[in-house]
Amino acid sequence: MKMISDFLDRYFLPAFRWLALVACIVVALNFVAFWWYWEVQLPSWGAIPSRLETLHARLVLFWAVAALAFGAAFFDLLKVPTKVRRRSVALFSLAAACGIAPYLIRHFLLT
């Protein structure tokens, strides 16, 4: 049983760490592509989005930062041996704050 555990710790966990980080980077790039579409591509085609649509597109960048912070925190947390560090807690807090910020900004600005 020790041999299987060593195998998983040596090969599976690092691969899972990198896979989780790549997945979070892909999600963040998707949010940035959404912002790019509304801020750059539509005006270059002559379509001017409304101020509300522009605001929503800019708030999506908070989610991109949240995805990157979550990926970095998850990458830091999944080490052998697993222990919670201050850096991981700070990154998870940043991810939570950036994930909630668009909802709060919409609530306060649009009500």
N, C-alpha and C. Protein backbone atom coordinates (compact mmCIF):
# COMPACT_ATOMS: atom_id res chain seq x y z
N MET A 1 0.83 -1.20 0.00
CA MET A 1 0.00 0.00 0.00
C MET A 1 0.86 1.26 0.00
N LYS A 2 2.01 1.20 0.64
CA LYS A 2 2.92 2.34 0.66
C LYS A 2 3.40 2.67 -0.74
N MET A 3 3.58 1.66 -1.57
CA MET A 3 4.07 1.86 -2.92
C MET A 3 3.05 2.62 -3.78
N ILE A 4 1.77 2.30 -3.62
CA ILE A 4 0.73 3.00 -4.37
C ILE A 4 0.64 4.44 -3.91
N SER A 5 0.74 4.67 -2.62
CA SER A 5 0.68 6.03 -2.09
C SER A 5 1.85 6.86 -2.59
N ASP A 6 3.03 6.28 -2.62
CA ASP A 6 4.18 7.00 -3.14
C ASP A 6 4.01 7.32 -4.62
N PHE A 7 3.46 6.36 -5.36
CA PHE A 7 3.22 6.57 -6.79
C PHE A 7 2.24 7.72 -7.01
N LEU A 8 1.14 7.73 -6.24
CA LEU A 8 0.16 8.80 -6.39
C LEU A 8 0.73 10.15 -5.99
N ASP A 9 1.49 10.18 -4.90
CA ASP A 9 2.08 11.44 -4.46
C ASP A 9 3.11 11.96 -5.45
N ARG A 10 3.81 11.04 -6.09
CA ARG A 10 4.89 11.46 -6.97
C ARG A 10 4.40 11.87 -8.35
N TYR A 11 3.40 11.18 -8.89
CA TYR A 11 2.99 11.44 -10.27
C TYR A 11 1.61 12.07 -10.41
N PHE A 12 0.63 11.59 -9.66
CA PHE A 12 -0.73 12.06 -9.86
C PHE A 12 -0.93 13.45 -9.28
N LEU A 13 -0.47 13.70 -8.08
CA LEU A 13 -0.73 14.99 -7.43
C LEU A 13 -0.08 16.16 -8.17
N PRO A 14 1.18 16.06 -8.61
CA PRO A 14 1.72 17.18 -9.40
C PRO A 14 0.97 17.39 -10.72
N ALA A 15 0.59 16.30 -11.36
CA ALA A 15 -0.16 16.44 -12.62
C ALA A 15 -1.52 17.09 -12.35
N PHE A 16 -2.17 16.72 -11.26
CA PHE A 16 -3.46 17.31 -10.90
C PHE A 16 -3.30 18.78 -10.55
N ARG A 17 -2.21 19.14 -9.85
CA ARG A 17 -1.96 20.54 -9.52
C ARG A 17 -1.86 21.37 -10.79
N TRP A 18 -1.05 20.91 -11.75
CA TRP A 18 -0.87 21.67 -12.99
C TRP A 18 -2.15 21.70 -13.81
N LEU A 19 -2.88 20.61 -13.82
CA LEU A 19 -4.14 20.56 -14.55
C LEU A 19 -5.16 21.55 -13.97
N ALA A 20 -5.24 21.62 -12.65
CA ALA A 20 -6.14 22.57 -12.00
C ALA A 20 -5.73 24.01 -12.31
N LEU A 21 -4.43 24.27 -12.31
CA LEU A 21 -3.95 25.62 -12.62
C LEU A 21 -4.25 25.99 -14.07
N VAL A 22 -4.05 25.06 -14.98
CA VAL A 22 -4.34 25.32 -16.39
C VAL A 22 -5.84 25.54 -16.59
N ALA A 23 -6.67 24.79 -15.90
CA ALA A 23 -8.12 24.98 -16.01
C ALA A 23 -8.52 26.37 -15.53
N CYS A 24 -7.96 26.83 -14.43
CA CYS A 24 -8.28 28.18 -13.93
C CYS A 24 -7.77 29.26 -14.88
N ILE A 25 -6.63 29.04 -15.52
CA ILE A 25 -6.12 30.00 -16.49
C ILE A 25 -7.03 30.05 -17.71
N VAL A 26 -7.52 28.91 -18.15
CA VAL A 26 -8.43 28.87 -19.30
C VAL A 26 -9.74 29.61 -18.98
N VAL A 27 -10.25 29.43 -17.78
CA VAL A 27 -11.47 30.14 -17.37
C VAL A 27 -11.23 31.64 -17.34
N ALA A 28 -10.08 32.05 -16.81
CA ALA A 28 -9.75 33.47 -16.77
C ALA A 28 -9.62 34.04 -18.18
N LEU A 29 -9.01 33.30 -19.08
CA LEU A 29 -8.89 33.76 -20.46
C LEU A 29 -10.25 33.87 -21.13
N ASN A 30 -11.17 33.01 -20.77
CA ASN A 30 -12.53 33.10 -21.30
C ASN A 30 -13.20 34.40 -20.84
N PHE A 31 -13.02 34.76 -19.58
CA PHE A 31 -13.57 36.02 -19.09
C PHE A 31 -12.92 37.22 -19.79
N VAL A 32 -11.62 37.15 -20.01
CA VAL A 32 -10.93 38.24 -20.69
C VAL A 32 -11.40 38.34 -22.14
N ALA A 33 -11.66 37.20 -22.78
CA ALA A 33 -12.17 37.21 -24.16
C ALA A 33 -13.55 37.84 -24.21
N PHE A 34 -14.38 37.59 -23.20
CA PHE A 34 -15.70 38.23 -23.14
C PHE A 34 -15.55 39.74 -23.05
N TRP A 35 -14.64 40.18 -22.17
CA TRP A 35 -14.40 41.61 -22.04
C TRP A 35 -13.88 42.18 -23.35
N TRP A 36 -12.94 41.51 -23.99
CA TRP A 36 -12.35 41.97 -25.25
C TRP A 36 -13.41 42.14 -26.33
N TYR A 37 -14.35 41.22 -26.36
CA TYR A 37 -15.42 41.29 -27.35
C TYR A 37 -16.24 42.57 -27.18
N TRP A 38 -16.62 42.90 -25.93
CA TRP A 38 -17.47 44.06 -25.69
C TRP A 38 -16.70 45.36 -25.75
N GLU A 39 -15.46 45.37 -25.33
CA GLU A 39 -14.71 46.62 -25.25
C GLU A 39 -13.95 46.95 -26.54
N VAL A 40 -13.49 45.94 -27.26
CA VAL A 40 -12.62 46.22 -28.40
C VAL A 40 -13.26 45.82 -29.73
N GLN A 41 -13.77 44.60 -29.82
CA GLN A 41 -14.26 44.13 -31.11
C GLN A 41 -15.54 44.84 -31.56
N LEU A 42 -16.50 44.95 -30.68
CA LEU A 42 -17.75 45.61 -31.09
C LEU A 42 -17.53 47.05 -31.53
N PRO A 43 -16.79 47.88 -30.78
CA PRO A 43 -16.56 49.24 -31.28
C PRO A 43 -15.76 49.28 -32.59
N SER A 44 -14.88 48.31 -32.81
CA SER A 44 -14.13 48.30 -34.07
C SER A 44 -15.04 47.96 -35.25
N TRP A 45 -16.13 47.26 -34.99
CA TRP A 45 -17.10 46.94 -36.03
C TRP A 45 -18.14 48.05 -36.21
N GLY A 46 -18.07 49.07 -35.37
CA GLY A 46 -19.01 50.17 -35.47
C GLY A 46 -20.20 50.06 -34.54
N ALA A 47 -20.29 49.01 -33.77
CA ALA A 47 -21.40 48.85 -32.81
C ALA A 47 -20.95 49.39 -31.46
N ILE A 48 -21.70 50.31 -30.93
CA ILE A 48 -21.36 50.90 -29.65
C ILE A 48 -22.26 50.30 -28.58
N PRO A 49 -21.68 49.53 -27.63
CA PRO A 49 -22.51 48.96 -26.56
C PRO A 49 -22.97 50.06 -25.60
N SER A 50 -24.06 49.78 -24.93
CA SER A 50 -24.58 50.75 -23.97
C SER A 50 -23.66 50.81 -22.75
N ARG A 51 -23.89 51.81 -21.91
CA ARG A 51 -23.05 51.98 -20.72
C ARG A 51 -23.22 50.80 -19.77
N LEU A 52 -24.43 50.27 -19.67
CA LEU A 52 -24.68 49.13 -18.79
C LEU A 52 -23.96 47.88 -19.30
N GLU A 53 -23.98 47.64 -20.60
CA GLU A 53 -23.25 46.50 -21.16
C GLU A 53 -21.75 46.65 -20.97
N THR A 54 -21.25 47.86 -21.13
CA THR A 54 -19.83 48.11 -20.91
C THR A 54 -19.45 47.89 -19.45
N LEU A 55 -20.32 48.32 -18.54
CA LEU A 55 -20.07 48.09 -17.12
C LEU A 55 -20.02 46.60 -16.81
N HIS A 56 -20.95 45.84 -17.35
CA HIS A 56 -20.96 44.39 -17.12
C HIS A 56 -19.70 43.74 -17.70
N ALA A 57 -19.27 44.20 -18.85
CA ALA A 57 -18.06 43.65 -19.45
C ALA A 57 -16.83 43.94 -18.60
N ARG A 58 -16.79 45.12 -18.02
CA ARG A 58 -15.65 45.46 -17.16
C ARG A 58 -15.69 44.71 -15.84
N LEU A 59 -16.88 44.45 -15.34
CA LEU A 59 -16.98 43.70 -14.08
C LEU A 59 -16.59 42.24 -14.25
N VAL A 60 -16.65 41.75 -15.46
CA VAL A 60 -16.24 40.37 -15.72
C VAL A 60 -14.74 40.20 -15.45
N LEU A 61 -13.98 41.28 -15.57
CA LEU A 61 -12.55 41.19 -15.28
C LEU A 61 -12.29 40.83 -13.82
N PHE A 62 -13.21 41.19 -12.92
CA PHE A 62 -13.07 40.76 -11.52
C PHE A 62 -13.11 39.23 -11.44
N TRP A 63 -13.97 38.62 -12.24
CA TRP A 63 -14.05 37.16 -12.23
C TRP A 63 -12.79 36.53 -12.80
N ALA A 64 -12.16 37.20 -13.76
CA ALA A 64 -10.90 36.70 -14.29
C ALA A 64 -9.82 36.71 -13.21
N VAL A 65 -9.76 37.78 -12.44
CA VAL A 65 -8.79 37.85 -11.34
C VAL A 65 -9.13 36.80 -10.28
N ALA A 66 -10.41 36.61 -10.02
CA ALA A 66 -10.82 35.60 -9.03
C ALA A 66 -10.42 34.20 -9.49
N ALA A 67 -10.59 33.90 -10.76
CA ALA A 67 -10.20 32.58 -11.28
C ALA A 67 -8.69 32.38 -11.17
N LEU A 68 -7.92 33.39 -11.49
CA LEU A 68 -6.47 33.28 -11.38
C LEU A 68 -6.02 33.13 -9.93
N ALA A 69 -6.63 33.89 -9.03
CA ALA A 69 -6.27 33.79 -7.61
C ALA A 69 -6.66 32.42 -7.06
N PHE A 70 -7.83 31.92 -7.46
CA PHE A 70 -8.23 30.59 -7.00
C PHE A 70 -7.29 29.52 -7.53
N GLY A 71 -6.88 29.63 -8.78
CA GLY A 71 -5.94 28.67 -9.34
C GLY A 71 -4.61 28.69 -8.62
N ALA A 72 -4.11 29.89 -8.31
CA ALA A 72 -2.84 29.99 -7.60
C ALA A 72 -2.96 29.44 -6.18
N ALA A 73 -4.08 29.72 -5.51
CA ALA A 73 -4.27 29.21 -4.15
C ALA A 73 -4.42 27.69 -4.15
N PHE A 74 -5.16 27.17 -5.09
CA PHE A 74 -5.34 25.72 -5.19
C PHE A 74 -4.03 25.04 -5.52
N PHE A 75 -3.23 25.64 -6.39
CA PHE A 75 -1.92 25.11 -6.74
C PHE A 75 -1.01 25.10 -5.51
N ASP A 76 -1.08 26.15 -4.72
CA ASP A 76 -0.26 26.23 -3.51
C ASP A 76 -0.74 25.27 -2.43
N LEU A 77 -2.03 25.04 -2.39
CA LEU A 77 -2.59 24.17 -1.35
C LEU A 77 -2.29 22.70 -1.62
N LEU A 78 -2.24 22.31 -2.87
CA LEU A 78 -2.04 20.90 -3.23
C LEU A 78 -0.56 20.56 -3.33
N LYS A 79 0.10 20.58 -2.22
CA LYS A 79 1.49 20.17 -2.15
C LYS A 79 1.60 18.98 -1.23
N VAL A 80 2.69 18.27 -1.35
CA VAL A 80 2.94 17.14 -0.44
C VAL A 80 3.93 17.61 0.60
N PRO A 81 3.68 17.60 1.85
CA PRO A 81 2.41 17.36 2.52
C PRO A 81 1.52 18.60 2.45
N THR A 82 0.24 18.36 2.44
CA THR A 82 -0.73 19.45 2.33
C THR A 82 -0.84 20.17 3.65
N LYS A 83 -0.63 21.47 3.61
CA LYS A 83 -0.86 22.30 4.79
C LYS A 83 -1.29 23.69 4.32
N VAL A 84 -2.10 24.30 5.13
CA VAL A 84 -2.64 25.61 4.78
C VAL A 84 -1.62 26.67 5.19
N ARG A 85 -1.23 27.46 4.23
CA ARG A 85 -0.28 28.54 4.48
C ARG A 85 -1.01 29.87 4.44
N ARG A 86 -0.36 30.89 4.95
CA ARG A 86 -0.97 32.22 4.92
C ARG A 86 -1.18 32.69 3.48
N ARG A 87 -0.26 32.32 2.61
CA ARG A 87 -0.39 32.69 1.20
C ARG A 87 -1.65 32.09 0.59
N SER A 88 -1.94 30.82 0.93
CA SER A 88 -3.14 30.17 0.40
C SER A 88 -4.40 30.84 0.91
N VAL A 89 -4.42 31.17 2.19
CA VAL A 89 -5.59 31.84 2.77
C VAL A 89 -5.77 33.21 2.14
N ALA A 90 -4.68 33.94 1.91
CA ALA A 90 -4.78 35.26 1.29
C ALA A 90 -5.29 35.15 -0.15
N LEU A 91 -4.81 34.15 -0.88
CA LEU A 91 -5.27 33.98 -2.25
C LEU A 91 -6.72 33.54 -2.33
N PHE A 92 -7.15 32.64 -1.43
CA PHE A 92 -8.56 32.26 -1.40
C PHE A 92 -9.44 33.45 -1.03
N SER A 93 -8.97 34.29 -0.10
CA SER A 93 -9.72 35.50 0.26
C SER A 93 -9.82 36.46 -0.91
N LEU A 94 -8.73 36.61 -1.65
CA LEU A 94 -8.74 37.46 -2.83
C LEU A 94 -9.71 36.92 -3.88
N ALA A 95 -9.71 35.60 -4.06
CA ALA A 95 -10.62 34.99 -5.02
C ALA A 95 -12.07 35.21 -4.61
N ALA A 96 -12.36 35.07 -3.32
CA ALA A 96 -13.73 35.29 -2.85
C ALA A 96 -14.14 36.75 -3.01
N ALA A 97 -13.23 37.66 -2.67
CA ALA A 97 -13.54 39.09 -2.78
C ALA A 97 -13.77 39.50 -4.23
N CYS A 98 -12.91 39.03 -5.12
CA CYS A 98 -13.07 39.38 -6.54
C CYS A 98 -14.27 38.67 -7.17
N GLY A 99 -14.65 37.53 -6.63
CA GLY A 99 -15.81 36.84 -7.15
C GLY A 99 -17.12 37.49 -6.74
N ILE A 100 -17.13 38.10 -5.57
CA ILE A 100 -18.34 38.74 -5.04
C ILE A 100 -18.44 40.21 -5.48
N ALA A 101 -17.33 40.83 -5.77
CA ALA A 101 -17.30 42.27 -6.09
C ALA A 101 -18.25 42.67 -7.21
N PRO A 102 -18.33 41.94 -8.33
CA PRO A 102 -19.26 42.39 -9.38
C PRO A 102 -20.72 42.44 -8.92
N TYR A 103 -21.12 41.48 -8.11
CA TYR A 103 -22.50 41.49 -7.60
C TYR A 103 -22.74 42.69 -6.70
N LEU A 104 -21.78 42.99 -5.83
CA LEU A 104 -21.94 44.14 -4.94
C LEU A 104 -21.92 45.45 -5.71
N ILE A 105 -21.04 45.57 -6.67
CA ILE A 105 -20.96 46.80 -7.45
C ILE A 105 -22.25 47.01 -8.24
N ARG A 106 -22.76 45.93 -8.85
CA ARG A 106 -24.05 46.05 -9.57
C ARG A 106 -25.17 46.44 -8.64
N HIS A 107 -25.17 45.84 -7.44
CA HIS A 107 -26.24 46.15 -6.48
C HIS A 107 -26.20 47.61 -6.06
N PHE A 108 -25.02 48.12 -5.75
CA PHE A 108 -24.91 49.50 -5.28
C PHE A 108 -25.04 50.52 -6.39
N LEU A 109 -24.57 50.22 -7.59
CA LEU A 109 -24.65 51.19 -8.67
C LEU A 109 -25.99 51.18 -9.39
N LEU A 110 -26.64 50.03 -9.46
CA LEU A 110 -27.85 49.94 -10.26
C LEU A 110 -29.13 50.01 -9.46
N THR A 111 -29.04 50.18 -8.15
CA THR A 111 -30.27 50.28 -7.35
C THR A 111 -30.46 51.69 -6.85
